[in-house]
Structure formats: C-alpha cells, structure tokens
mmCIF file of all heavy atoms, coordinates in Angstrom:
data_MODEL
# 
_entry.id   MODEL 
# 
loop_
_atom_site.group_PDB 
_atom_site.id 
_atom_site.type_symbol 
_atom_site.label_atom_id 
_atom_site.label_alt_id 
_atom_site.label_comp_id 
_atom_site.label_asym_id 
_atom_site.label_entity_id 
_atom_site.label_seq_id 
_atom_site.pdbx_PDB_ins_code 
_atom_site.Cartn_x 
_atom_site.Cartn_y 
_atom_site.Cartn_z 
_atom_site.occupancy 
_atom_site.B_iso_or_equiv 
_atom_site.pdbx_formal_charge 
_atom_site.auth_seq_id 
_atom_site.auth_comp_id 
_atom_site.auth_asym_id 
_atom_site.auth_atom_id 
_atom_site.pdbx_PDB_model_num 
ATOM 1   N N   . ARG A 1 1  ? 0.792  -1.226  0.011  1.00 0.00 ? 1  ARG A N   1 
ATOM 2   C CA  . ARG A 1 1  ? -0.010 0.015   0.072  1.00 0.00 ? 1  ARG A CA  1 
ATOM 3   C C   . ARG A 1 1  ? 0.857  1.320   0.044  1.00 0.00 ? 1  ARG A C   1 
ATOM 4   O O   . ARG A 1 1  ? 0.376  2.323   0.146  1.00 0.00 ? 1  ARG A O   1 
ATOM 5   C CB  . ARG A 1 1  ? -0.901 0.037   1.269  1.00 0.00 ? 1  ARG A CB  1 
ATOM 6   C CG  . ARG A 1 1  ? -1.928 -1.152  1.072  1.00 0.00 ? 1  ARG A CG  1 
ATOM 7   C CD  . ARG A 1 1  ? -2.929 -0.976  2.376  1.00 0.00 ? 1  ARG A CD  1 
ATOM 8   N NE  . ARG A 1 1  ? -3.819 0.155   2.143  1.00 0.00 ? 1  ARG A NE  1 
ATOM 9   C CZ  . ARG A 1 1  ? -4.665 0.569   3.121  1.00 0.00 ? 1  ARG A CZ  1 
ATOM 10  N NH1 . ARG A 1 1  ? -4.897 -0.276  4.202  1.00 0.00 ? 1  ARG A NH1 1 
ATOM 11  N NH2 . ARG A 1 1  ? -5.387 1.647   3.163  1.00 0.00 ? 1  ARG A NH2 1 
ATOM 12  N N   . GLY A 1 2  ? 2.194  1.064   -0.213 1.00 0.00 ? 2  GLY A N   1 
ATOM 13  C CA  . GLY A 1 2  ? 2.966  2.326   -0.421 1.00 0.00 ? 2  GLY A CA  1 
ATOM 14  C C   . GLY A 1 2  ? 3.844  2.651   0.844  1.00 0.00 ? 2  GLY A C   1 
ATOM 15  O O   . GLY A 1 2  ? 4.543  3.677   0.758  1.00 0.00 ? 2  GLY A O   1 
ATOM 16  N N   . GLU A 1 3  ? 3.666  1.947   1.941  1.00 0.00 ? 3  GLU A N   1 
ATOM 17  C CA  . GLU A 1 3  ? 4.403  2.323   3.037  1.00 0.00 ? 3  GLU A CA  1 
ATOM 18  C C   . GLU A 1 3  ? 5.926  1.846   2.892  1.00 0.00 ? 3  GLU A C   1 
ATOM 19  O O   . GLU A 1 3  ? 6.273  0.956   2.273  1.00 0.00 ? 3  GLU A O   1 
ATOM 20  C CB  . GLU A 1 3  ? 3.929  1.786   4.334  1.00 0.00 ? 3  GLU A CB  1 
ATOM 21  C CG  . GLU A 1 3  ? 2.631  2.334   4.684  1.00 0.00 ? 3  GLU A CG  1 
ATOM 22  C CD  . GLU A 1 3  ? 2.081  1.907   6.169  1.00 0.00 ? 3  GLU A CD  1 
ATOM 23  O OE1 . GLU A 1 3  ? 2.419  0.708   6.616  1.00 0.00 ? 3  GLU A OE1 1 
ATOM 24  O OE2 . GLU A 1 3  ? 1.534  2.737   6.784  1.00 0.00 ? 3  GLU A OE2 1 
ATOM 25  N N   . ARG A 1 4  ? 6.891  2.803   3.436  1.00 0.00 ? 4  ARG A N   1 
ATOM 26  C CA  . ARG A 1 4  ? 8.185  2.551   3.258  1.00 0.00 ? 4  ARG A CA  1 
ATOM 27  C C   . ARG A 1 4  ? 9.092  2.785   4.584  1.00 0.00 ? 4  ARG A C   1 
ATOM 28  O O   . ARG A 1 4  ? 10.010 3.325   4.672  1.00 0.00 ? 4  ARG A O   1 
ATOM 29  C CB  . ARG A 1 4  ? 8.828  3.513   2.139  1.00 0.00 ? 4  ARG A CB  1 
ATOM 30  C CG  . ARG A 1 4  ? 8.250  3.384   0.800  1.00 0.00 ? 4  ARG A CG  1 
ATOM 31  C CD  . ARG A 1 4  ? 8.636  1.957   0.277  1.00 0.00 ? 4  ARG A CD  1 
ATOM 32  N NE  . ARG A 1 4  ? 8.196  1.702   -1.129 1.00 0.00 ? 4  ARG A NE  1 
ATOM 33  C CZ  . ARG A 1 4  ? 7.052  1.028   -1.383 1.00 0.00 ? 4  ARG A CZ  1 
ATOM 34  N NH1 . ARG A 1 4  ? 6.342  0.577   -0.457 1.00 0.00 ? 4  ARG A NH1 1 
ATOM 35  N NH2 . ARG A 1 4  ? 6.804  0.889   -2.650 1.00 0.00 ? 4  ARG A NH2 1 
ATOM 36  N N   . GLY A 1 5  ? 8.472  2.015   5.514  1.00 0.00 ? 5  GLY A N   1 
ATOM 37  C CA  . GLY A 1 5  ? 9.049  1.999   6.907  1.00 0.00 ? 5  GLY A CA  1 
ATOM 38  C C   . GLY A 1 5  ? 8.180  2.788   7.821  1.00 0.00 ? 5  GLY A C   1 
ATOM 39  O O   . GLY A 1 5  ? 7.395  3.512   7.537  1.00 0.00 ? 5  GLY A O   1 
ATOM 40  N N   . THR A 1 6  ? 8.352  2.504   9.115  1.00 0.00 ? 6  THR A N   1 
ATOM 41  C CA  . THR A 1 6  ? 7.541  3.033   10.163 1.00 0.00 ? 6  THR A CA  1 
ATOM 42  C C   . THR A 1 6  ? 8.298  3.766   11.262 1.00 0.00 ? 6  THR A C   1 
ATOM 43  O O   . THR A 1 6  ? 7.822  4.182   12.342 1.00 0.00 ? 6  THR A O   1 
ATOM 44  C CB  . THR A 1 6  ? 6.683  1.948   10.799 1.00 0.00 ? 6  THR A CB  1 
ATOM 45  O OG1 . THR A 1 6  ? 7.502  0.963   11.437 1.00 0.00 ? 6  THR A OG1 1 
ATOM 46  C CG2 . THR A 1 6  ? 5.758  1.221   9.823  1.00 0.00 ? 6  THR A CG2 1 
ATOM 47  N N   . ALA A 1 7  ? 9.709  3.849   11.127 1.00 0.00 ? 7  ALA A N   1 
ATOM 48  C CA  . ALA A 1 7  ? 10.541 4.266   12.154 1.00 0.00 ? 7  ALA A CA  1 
ATOM 49  C C   . ALA A 1 7  ? 10.249 5.709   12.693 1.00 0.00 ? 7  ALA A C   1 
ATOM 50  O O   . ALA A 1 7  ? 10.383 6.119   13.789 1.00 0.00 ? 7  ALA A O   1 
ATOM 51  C CB  . ALA A 1 7  ? 11.989 4.014   11.896 1.00 0.00 ? 7  ALA A CB  1 
ATOM 52  N N   . CYS A 1 8  ? 9.747  6.585   11.626 1.00 0.00 ? 8  CYS A N   1 
ATOM 53  C CA  . CYS A 1 8  ? 9.678  7.994   11.936 1.00 0.00 ? 8  CYS A CA  1 
ATOM 54  C C   . CYS A 1 8  ? 8.039  8.292   12.290 1.00 0.00 ? 8  CYS A C   1 
ATOM 55  O O   . CYS A 1 8  ? 7.900  9.470   12.527 1.00 0.00 ? 8  CYS A O   1 
ATOM 56  C CB  . CYS A 1 8  ? 10.102 8.818   10.925 1.00 0.00 ? 8  CYS A CB  1 
ATOM 57  S SG  . CYS A 1 8  ? 8.856  8.857   9.494  1.00 0.00 ? 8  CYS A SG  1 
ATOM 58  N N   . LEU A 1 9  ? 7.274  7.228   12.384 1.00 0.00 ? 9  LEU A N   1 
ATOM 59  C CA  . LEU A 1 9  ? 5.914  7.510   12.421 1.00 0.00 ? 9  LEU A CA  1 
ATOM 60  C C   . LEU A 1 9  ? 5.262  7.401   13.966 1.00 0.00 ? 9  LEU A C   1 
ATOM 61  O O   . LEU A 1 9  ? 5.278  6.424   14.528 1.00 0.00 ? 9  LEU A O   1 
ATOM 62  C CB  . LEU A 1 9  ? 5.078  6.529   11.532 1.00 0.00 ? 9  LEU A CB  1 
ATOM 63  C CG  . LEU A 1 9  ? 5.408  6.437   10.000 1.00 0.00 ? 9  LEU A CG  1 
ATOM 64  C CD1 . LEU A 1 9  ? 4.555  5.468   9.331  1.00 0.00 ? 9  LEU A CD1 1 
ATOM 65  C CD2 . LEU A 1 9  ? 5.324  7.959   9.557  1.00 0.00 ? 9  LEU A CD2 1 
ATOM 66  N N   . PRO A 1 10 ? 4.900  8.564   14.477 1.00 0.00 ? 10 PRO A N   1 
ATOM 67  C CA  . PRO A 1 10 ? 4.338  8.493   15.768 1.00 0.00 ? 10 PRO A CA  1 
ATOM 68  C C   . PRO A 1 10 ? 3.153  7.686   15.930 1.00 0.00 ? 10 PRO A C   1 
ATOM 69  O O   . PRO A 1 10 ? 2.172  7.648   14.860 1.00 0.00 ? 10 PRO A O   1 
ATOM 70  C CB  . PRO A 1 10 ? 3.962  10.086  16.036 1.00 0.00 ? 10 PRO A CB  1 
ATOM 71  C CG  . PRO A 1 10 ? 4.872  10.807  15.109 1.00 0.00 ? 10 PRO A CG  1 
ATOM 72  C CD  . PRO A 1 10 ? 5.039  9.874   13.879 1.00 0.00 ? 10 PRO A CD  1 
ATOM 73  N N   . GLY A 1 11 ? 2.962  6.897   16.996 1.00 0.00 ? 11 GLY A N   1 
ATOM 74  C CA  . GLY A 1 11 ? 1.765  6.040   17.144 1.00 0.00 ? 11 GLY A CA  1 
ATOM 75  C C   . GLY A 1 11 ? 2.052  4.680   16.481 1.00 0.00 ? 11 GLY A C   1 
ATOM 76  O O   . GLY A 1 11 ? 1.165  3.834   16.763 1.00 0.00 ? 11 GLY A O   1 
ATOM 77  N N   . ARG A 1 12 ? 3.123  4.442   15.921 1.00 0.00 ? 12 ARG A N   1 
ATOM 78  C CA  . ARG A 1 12 ? 3.372  3.094   15.363 1.00 0.00 ? 12 ARG A CA  1 
ATOM 79  C C   . ARG A 1 12 ? 4.518  2.342   15.966 1.00 0.00 ? 12 ARG A C   1 
ATOM 80  O O   . ARG A 1 12 ? 5.127  1.491   15.516 1.00 0.00 ? 12 ARG A O   1 
ATOM 81  C CB  . ARG A 1 12 ? 3.709  3.288   13.934 1.00 0.00 ? 12 ARG A CB  1 
ATOM 82  C CG  . ARG A 1 12 ? 2.636  4.009   12.921 1.00 0.00 ? 12 ARG A CG  1 
ATOM 83  C CD  . ARG A 1 12 ? 1.489  3.110   12.591 1.00 0.00 ? 12 ARG A CD  1 
ATOM 84  N NE  . ARG A 1 12 ? 1.882  1.934   11.615 1.00 0.00 ? 12 ARG A NE  1 
ATOM 85  C CZ  . ARG A 1 12 ? 2.009  2.154   10.308 1.00 0.00 ? 12 ARG A CZ  1 
ATOM 86  N NH1 . ARG A 1 12 ? 1.593  3.344   9.806  1.00 0.00 ? 12 ARG A NH1 1 
ATOM 87  N NH2 . ARG A 1 12 ? 2.266  1.186   9.615  1.00 0.00 ? 12 ARG A NH2 1 
ATOM 88  N N   . GLU A 1 13 ? 5.009  2.857   17.227 1.00 0.00 ? 13 GLU A N   1 
ATOM 89  C CA  . GLU A 1 13 ? 6.092  2.500   17.838 1.00 0.00 ? 13 GLU A CA  1 
ATOM 90  C C   . GLU A 1 13 ? 6.107  0.889   18.241 1.00 0.00 ? 13 GLU A C   1 
ATOM 91  O O   . GLU A 1 13 ? 7.023  0.121   17.953 1.00 0.00 ? 13 GLU A O   1 
ATOM 92  C CB  . GLU A 1 13 ? 6.393  3.146   19.208 1.00 0.00 ? 13 GLU A CB  1 
ATOM 93  C CG  . GLU A 1 13 ? 6.818  4.606   18.993 1.00 0.00 ? 13 GLU A CG  1 
ATOM 94  C CD  . GLU A 1 13 ? 5.653  5.607   18.752 1.00 0.00 ? 13 GLU A CD  1 
ATOM 95  O OE1 . GLU A 1 13 ? 4.472  5.112   18.749 1.00 0.00 ? 13 GLU A OE1 1 
ATOM 96  O OE2 . GLU A 1 13 ? 5.941  6.799   18.819 1.00 0.00 ? 13 GLU A OE2 1 
ATOM 97  N N   . SER A 1 14 ? 4.904  0.493   18.531 1.00 0.00 ? 14 SER A N   1 
ATOM 98  C CA  . SER A 1 14 ? 4.736  -0.973  18.977 1.00 0.00 ? 14 SER A CA  1 
ATOM 99  C C   . SER A 1 14 ? 4.870  -1.826  17.681 1.00 0.00 ? 14 SER A C   1 
ATOM 100 O O   . SER A 1 14 ? 5.414  -2.860  17.831 1.00 0.00 ? 14 SER A O   1 
ATOM 101 C CB  . SER A 1 14 ? 3.372  -1.236  19.592 1.00 0.00 ? 14 SER A CB  1 
ATOM 102 O OG  . SER A 1 14 ? 3.245  -0.640  20.842 1.00 0.00 ? 14 SER A OG  1 
ATOM 103 N N   . GLU A 1 15 ? 4.350  -1.292  16.665 1.00 0.00 ? 15 GLU A N   1 
ATOM 104 C CA  . GLU A 1 15 ? 4.381  -2.148  15.374 1.00 0.00 ? 15 GLU A CA  1 
ATOM 105 C C   . GLU A 1 15 ? 5.926  -2.267  14.964 1.00 0.00 ? 15 GLU A C   1 
ATOM 106 O O   . GLU A 1 15 ? 6.338  -3.181  14.482 1.00 0.00 ? 15 GLU A O   1 
ATOM 107 C CB  . GLU A 1 15 ? 3.539  -1.517  14.276 1.00 0.00 ? 15 GLU A CB  1 
ATOM 108 C CG  . GLU A 1 15 ? 3.660  -2.113  12.955 1.00 0.00 ? 15 GLU A CG  1 
ATOM 109 C CD  . GLU A 1 15 ? 2.888  -1.364  11.829 1.00 0.00 ? 15 GLU A CD  1 
ATOM 110 O OE1 . GLU A 1 15 ? 2.110  -0.499  12.188 1.00 0.00 ? 15 GLU A OE1 1 
ATOM 111 O OE2 . GLU A 1 15 ? 3.105  -1.631  10.709 1.00 0.00 ? 15 GLU A OE2 1 
ATOM 112 N N   . PHE A 1 16 ? 6.585  -1.053  15.040 1.00 0.00 ? 16 PHE A N   1 
ATOM 113 C CA  . PHE A 1 16 ? 7.993  -1.012  14.676 1.00 0.00 ? 16 PHE A CA  1 
ATOM 114 C C   . PHE A 1 16 ? 8.764  -1.982  15.486 1.00 0.00 ? 16 PHE A C   1 
ATOM 115 O O   . PHE A 1 16 ? 9.630  -2.758  14.912 1.00 0.00 ? 16 PHE A O   1 
ATOM 116 C CB  . PHE A 1 16 ? 8.633  0.546   14.828 1.00 0.00 ? 16 PHE A CB  1 
ATOM 117 C CG  . PHE A 1 16 ? 10.031 0.475   14.749 1.00 0.00 ? 16 PHE A CG  1 
ATOM 118 C CD1 . PHE A 1 16 ? 10.532 0.607   13.457 1.00 0.00 ? 16 PHE A CD1 1 
ATOM 119 C CD2 . PHE A 1 16 ? 10.920 0.430   15.754 1.00 0.00 ? 16 PHE A CD2 1 
ATOM 120 C CE1 . PHE A 1 16 ? 11.958 0.555   13.270 1.00 0.00 ? 16 PHE A CE1 1 
ATOM 121 C CE2 . PHE A 1 16 ? 12.186 0.440   15.714 1.00 0.00 ? 16 PHE A CE2 1 
ATOM 122 C CZ  . PHE A 1 16 ? 12.756 0.555   14.414 1.00 0.00 ? 16 PHE A CZ  1 
ATOM 123 N N   . ARG A 1 17 ? 8.465  -2.033  16.834 1.00 0.00 ? 17 ARG A N   1 
ATOM 124 C CA  . ARG A 1 17 ? 9.370  -2.780  17.724 1.00 0.00 ? 17 ARG A CA  1 
ATOM 125 C C   . ARG A 1 17 ? 9.026  -4.315  17.437 1.00 0.00 ? 17 ARG A C   1 
ATOM 126 O O   . ARG A 1 17 ? 9.879  -5.138  17.457 1.00 0.00 ? 17 ARG A O   1 
ATOM 127 C CB  . ARG A 1 17 ? 9.124  -2.460  19.185 1.00 0.00 ? 17 ARG A CB  1 
ATOM 128 C CG  . ARG A 1 17 ? 9.612  -1.099  19.457 1.00 0.00 ? 17 ARG A CG  1 
ATOM 129 C CD  . ARG A 1 17 ? 9.509  -0.623  20.993 1.00 0.00 ? 17 ARG A CD  1 
ATOM 130 N NE  . ARG A 1 17 ? 10.075 0.691   21.077 1.00 0.00 ? 17 ARG A NE  1 
ATOM 131 C CZ  . ARG A 1 17 ? 10.368 1.064   22.233 1.00 0.00 ? 17 ARG A CZ  1 
ATOM 132 N NH1 . ARG A 1 17 ? 10.252 0.384   23.455 1.00 0.00 ? 17 ARG A NH1 1 
ATOM 133 N NH2 . ARG A 1 17 ? 10.821 2.261   22.357 1.00 0.00 ? 17 ARG A NH2 1 
ATOM 134 N N   . GLU A 1 18 ? 7.734  -4.704  17.236 1.00 0.00 ? 18 GLU A N   1 
ATOM 135 C CA  . GLU A 1 18 ? 7.372  -6.097  16.950 1.00 0.00 ? 18 GLU A CA  1 
ATOM 136 C C   . GLU A 1 18 ? 8.146  -6.545  15.669 1.00 0.00 ? 18 GLU A C   1 
ATOM 137 O O   . GLU A 1 18 ? 8.689  -7.587  15.539 1.00 0.00 ? 18 GLU A O   1 
ATOM 138 C CB  . GLU A 1 18 ? 6.006  -6.141  16.768 1.00 0.00 ? 18 GLU A CB  1 
ATOM 139 C CG  . GLU A 1 18 ? 5.456  -7.598  16.486 1.00 0.00 ? 18 GLU A CG  1 
ATOM 140 C CD  . GLU A 1 18 ? 3.925  -7.619  16.348 1.00 0.00 ? 18 GLU A CD  1 
ATOM 141 O OE1 . GLU A 1 18 ? 3.238  -6.655  16.824 1.00 0.00 ? 18 GLU A OE1 1 
ATOM 142 O OE2 . GLU A 1 18 ? 3.388  -8.636  15.904 1.00 0.00 ? 18 GLU A OE2 1 
ATOM 143 N N   . GLY A 1 19 ? 8.049  -5.612  14.695 1.00 0.00 ? 19 GLY A N   1 
ATOM 144 C CA  . GLY A 1 19 ? 8.686  -5.913  13.363 1.00 0.00 ? 19 GLY A CA  1 
ATOM 145 C C   . GLY A 1 19 ? 10.245 -6.180  13.398 1.00 0.00 ? 19 GLY A C   1 
ATOM 146 O O   . GLY A 1 19 ? 10.863 -7.042  12.905 1.00 0.00 ? 19 GLY A O   1 
ATOM 147 N N   . PHE A 1 20 ? 10.807 -5.245  14.260 1.00 0.00 ? 20 PHE A N   1 
ATOM 148 C CA  . PHE A 1 20 ? 12.364 -5.391  14.387 1.00 0.00 ? 20 PHE A CA  1 
ATOM 149 C C   . PHE A 1 20 ? 12.704 -6.668  15.145 1.00 0.00 ? 20 PHE A C   1 
ATOM 150 O O   . PHE A 1 20 ? 13.648 -7.210  14.764 1.00 0.00 ? 20 PHE A O   1 
ATOM 151 C CB  . PHE A 1 20 ? 12.864 -4.170  14.950 1.00 0.00 ? 20 PHE A CB  1 
ATOM 152 C CG  . PHE A 1 20 ? 14.350 -4.097  15.007 1.00 0.00 ? 20 PHE A CG  1 
ATOM 153 C CD1 . PHE A 1 20 ? 15.021 -3.708  13.866 1.00 0.00 ? 20 PHE A CD1 1 
ATOM 154 C CD2 . PHE A 1 20 ? 15.140 -4.517  16.101 1.00 0.00 ? 20 PHE A CD2 1 
ATOM 155 C CE1 . PHE A 1 20 ? 16.376 -3.680  13.821 1.00 0.00 ? 20 PHE A CE1 1 
ATOM 156 C CE2 . PHE A 1 20 ? 16.472 -4.585  16.109 1.00 0.00 ? 20 PHE A CE2 1 
ATOM 157 C CZ  . PHE A 1 20 ? 17.086 -4.142  14.952 1.00 0.00 ? 20 PHE A CZ  1 
ATOM 158 N N   . LEU A 1 21 ? 11.936 -7.034  16.098 1.00 0.00 ? 21 LEU A N   1 
ATOM 159 C CA  . LEU A 1 21 ? 12.226 -8.262  16.782 1.00 0.00 ? 21 LEU A CA  1 
ATOM 160 C C   . LEU A 1 21 ? 12.027 -9.451  15.815 1.00 0.00 ? 21 LEU A C   1 
ATOM 161 O O   . LEU A 1 21 ? 12.816 -10.337 15.955 1.00 0.00 ? 21 LEU A O   1 
ATOM 162 C CB  . LEU A 1 21 ? 11.344 -8.418  18.050 1.00 0.00 ? 21 LEU A CB  1 
ATOM 163 C CG  . LEU A 1 21 ? 11.544 -7.472  19.150 1.00 0.00 ? 21 LEU A CG  1 
ATOM 164 C CD1 . LEU A 1 21 ? 10.535 -7.663  20.282 1.00 0.00 ? 21 LEU A CD1 1 
ATOM 165 C CD2 . LEU A 1 21 ? 13.039 -7.514  19.753 1.00 0.00 ? 21 LEU A CD2 1 
ATOM 166 N N   . ARG A 1 22 ? 11.134 -9.331  14.980 1.00 0.00 ? 22 ARG A N   1 
ATOM 167 C CA  . ARG A 1 22 ? 11.089 -10.406 13.912 1.00 0.00 ? 22 ARG A CA  1 
ATOM 168 C C   . ARG A 1 22 ? 12.267 -10.491 12.985 1.00 0.00 ? 22 ARG A C   1 
ATOM 169 O O   . ARG A 1 22 ? 12.750 -11.483 12.667 1.00 0.00 ? 22 ARG A O   1 
ATOM 170 C CB  . ARG A 1 22 ? 9.738  -10.152 13.148 1.00 0.00 ? 22 ARG A CB  1 
ATOM 171 C CG  . ARG A 1 22 ? 9.454  -11.386 12.276 1.00 0.00 ? 22 ARG A CG  1 
ATOM 172 C CD  . ARG A 1 22 ? 8.151  -11.151 11.384 1.00 0.00 ? 22 ARG A CD  1 
ATOM 173 N NE  . ARG A 1 22 ? 7.830  -12.224 10.480 1.00 0.00 ? 22 ARG A NE  1 
ATOM 174 C CZ  . ARG A 1 22 ? 7.064  -12.161 9.475  1.00 0.00 ? 22 ARG A CZ  1 
ATOM 175 N NH1 . ARG A 1 22 ? 6.543  -10.822 9.041  1.00 0.00 ? 22 ARG A NH1 1 
ATOM 176 N NH2 . ARG A 1 22 ? 6.846  -13.246 8.689  1.00 0.00 ? 22 ARG A NH2 1 
ATOM 177 N N   . ALA A 1 23 ? 12.710 -9.256  12.658 1.00 0.00 ? 23 ALA A N   1 
ATOM 178 C CA  . ALA A 1 23 ? 13.944 -9.181  11.836 1.00 0.00 ? 23 ALA A CA  1 
ATOM 179 C C   . ALA A 1 23 ? 15.065 -9.777  12.615 1.00 0.00 ? 23 ALA A C   1 
ATOM 180 O O   . ALA A 1 23 ? 15.978 -10.463 11.969 1.00 0.00 ? 23 ALA A O   1 
ATOM 181 C CB  . ALA A 1 23 ? 14.214 -7.717  11.529 1.00 0.00 ? 23 ALA A CB  1 
ATOM 182 N N   . LEU A 1 24 ? 15.191 -9.570  13.977 1.00 0.00 ? 24 LEU A N   1 
ATOM 183 C CA  . LEU A 1 24 ? 16.424 -10.127 14.591 1.00 0.00 ? 24 LEU A CA  1 
ATOM 184 C C   . LEU A 1 24 ? 16.261 -11.646 14.661 1.00 0.00 ? 24 LEU A C   1 
ATOM 185 O O   . LEU A 1 24 ? 17.396 -12.342 14.538 1.00 0.00 ? 24 LEU A O   1 
ATOM 186 C CB  . LEU A 1 24 ? 16.318 -9.674  16.096 1.00 0.00 ? 24 LEU A CB  1 
ATOM 187 C CG  . LEU A 1 24 ? 16.869 -8.268  16.154 1.00 0.00 ? 24 LEU A CG  1 
ATOM 188 C CD1 . LEU A 1 24 ? 16.702 -7.854  17.779 1.00 0.00 ? 24 LEU A CD1 1 
ATOM 189 C CD2 . LEU A 1 24 ? 18.317 -8.080  15.781 1.00 0.00 ? 24 LEU A CD2 1 
ATOM 190 N N   . GLU A 1 25 ? 15.051 -12.214 14.657 1.00 0.00 ? 25 GLU A N   1 
ATOM 191 C CA  . GLU A 1 25 ? 14.896 -13.644 14.549 1.00 0.00 ? 25 GLU A CA  1 
ATOM 192 C C   . GLU A 1 25 ? 15.576 -14.259 13.319 1.00 0.00 ? 25 GLU A C   1 
ATOM 193 O O   . GLU A 1 25 ? 16.206 -15.208 13.087 1.00 0.00 ? 25 GLU A O   1 
ATOM 194 C CB  . GLU A 1 25 ? 13.500 -14.044 14.647 1.00 0.00 ? 25 GLU A CB  1 
ATOM 195 C CG  . GLU A 1 25 ? 12.963 -13.792 16.217 1.00 0.00 ? 25 GLU A CG  1 
ATOM 196 C CD  . GLU A 1 25 ? 11.488 -14.099 16.208 1.00 0.00 ? 25 GLU A CD  1 
ATOM 197 O OE1 . GLU A 1 25 ? 10.850 -14.505 15.107 1.00 0.00 ? 25 GLU A OE1 1 
ATOM 198 O OE2 . GLU A 1 25 ? 10.878 -14.072 17.333 1.00 0.00 ? 25 GLU A OE2 1 
ATOM 199 N N   . TYR A 1 26 ? 15.162 -13.491 12.092 1.00 0.00 ? 26 TYR A N   1 
ATOM 200 C CA  . TYR A 1 26 ? 15.666 -13.987 10.818 1.00 0.00 ? 26 TYR A CA  1 
ATOM 201 C C   . TYR A 1 26 ? 17.101 -13.761 10.745 1.00 0.00 ? 26 TYR A C   1 
ATOM 202 O O   . TYR A 1 26 ? 17.818 -14.575 10.062 1.00 0.00 ? 26 TYR A O   1 
ATOM 203 C CB  . TYR A 1 26 ? 14.944 -13.151 9.713  1.00 0.00 ? 26 TYR A CB  1 
ATOM 204 C CG  . TYR A 1 26 ? 13.634 -13.853 9.224  1.00 0.00 ? 26 TYR A CG  1 
ATOM 205 C CD1 . TYR A 1 26 ? 12.493 -13.695 9.853  1.00 0.00 ? 26 TYR A CD1 1 
ATOM 206 C CD2 . TYR A 1 26 ? 13.765 -14.544 8.040  1.00 0.00 ? 26 TYR A CD2 1 
ATOM 207 C CE1 . TYR A 1 26 ? 11.297 -14.317 9.378  1.00 0.00 ? 26 TYR A CE1 1 
ATOM 208 C CE2 . TYR A 1 26 ? 12.581 -15.209 7.530  1.00 0.00 ? 26 TYR A CE2 1 
ATOM 209 C CZ  . TYR A 1 26 ? 11.402 -15.134 8.321  1.00 0.00 ? 26 TYR A CZ  1 
ATOM 210 O OH  . TYR A 1 26 ? 10.340 -15.746 7.760  1.00 0.00 ? 26 TYR A OH  1 
ATOM 211 N N   . ALA A 1 27 ? 17.627 -12.671 11.283 1.00 0.00 ? 27 ALA A N   1 
ATOM 212 C CA  . ALA A 1 27 ? 19.052 -12.400 11.281 1.00 0.00 ? 27 ALA A CA  1 
ATOM 213 C C   . ALA A 1 27 ? 19.844 -13.474 11.948 1.00 0.00 ? 27 ALA A C   1 
ATOM 214 O O   . ALA A 1 27 ? 20.993 -13.874 11.540 1.00 0.00 ? 27 ALA A O   1 
ATOM 215 C CB  . ALA A 1 27 ? 19.390 -11.072 11.954 1.00 0.00 ? 27 ALA A CB  1 
# 
C-alpha cells in the first residue's frame, strides 16, 4: 500500500518494535 518504513511515524512504535524483533529472529 506504499508504506516505506515506520521508524519515523508517531503512534506506530509498537508495530515498529514487533517488526524489528522479527527481523532479529531472521538475522
């Protein structure tokens, strides 16, 4: 839908953190 990251978006902090923890699992 055109999103290109959430790190700068207020109100999306929980989503950002959940996604990053998933990235760490893949890493």
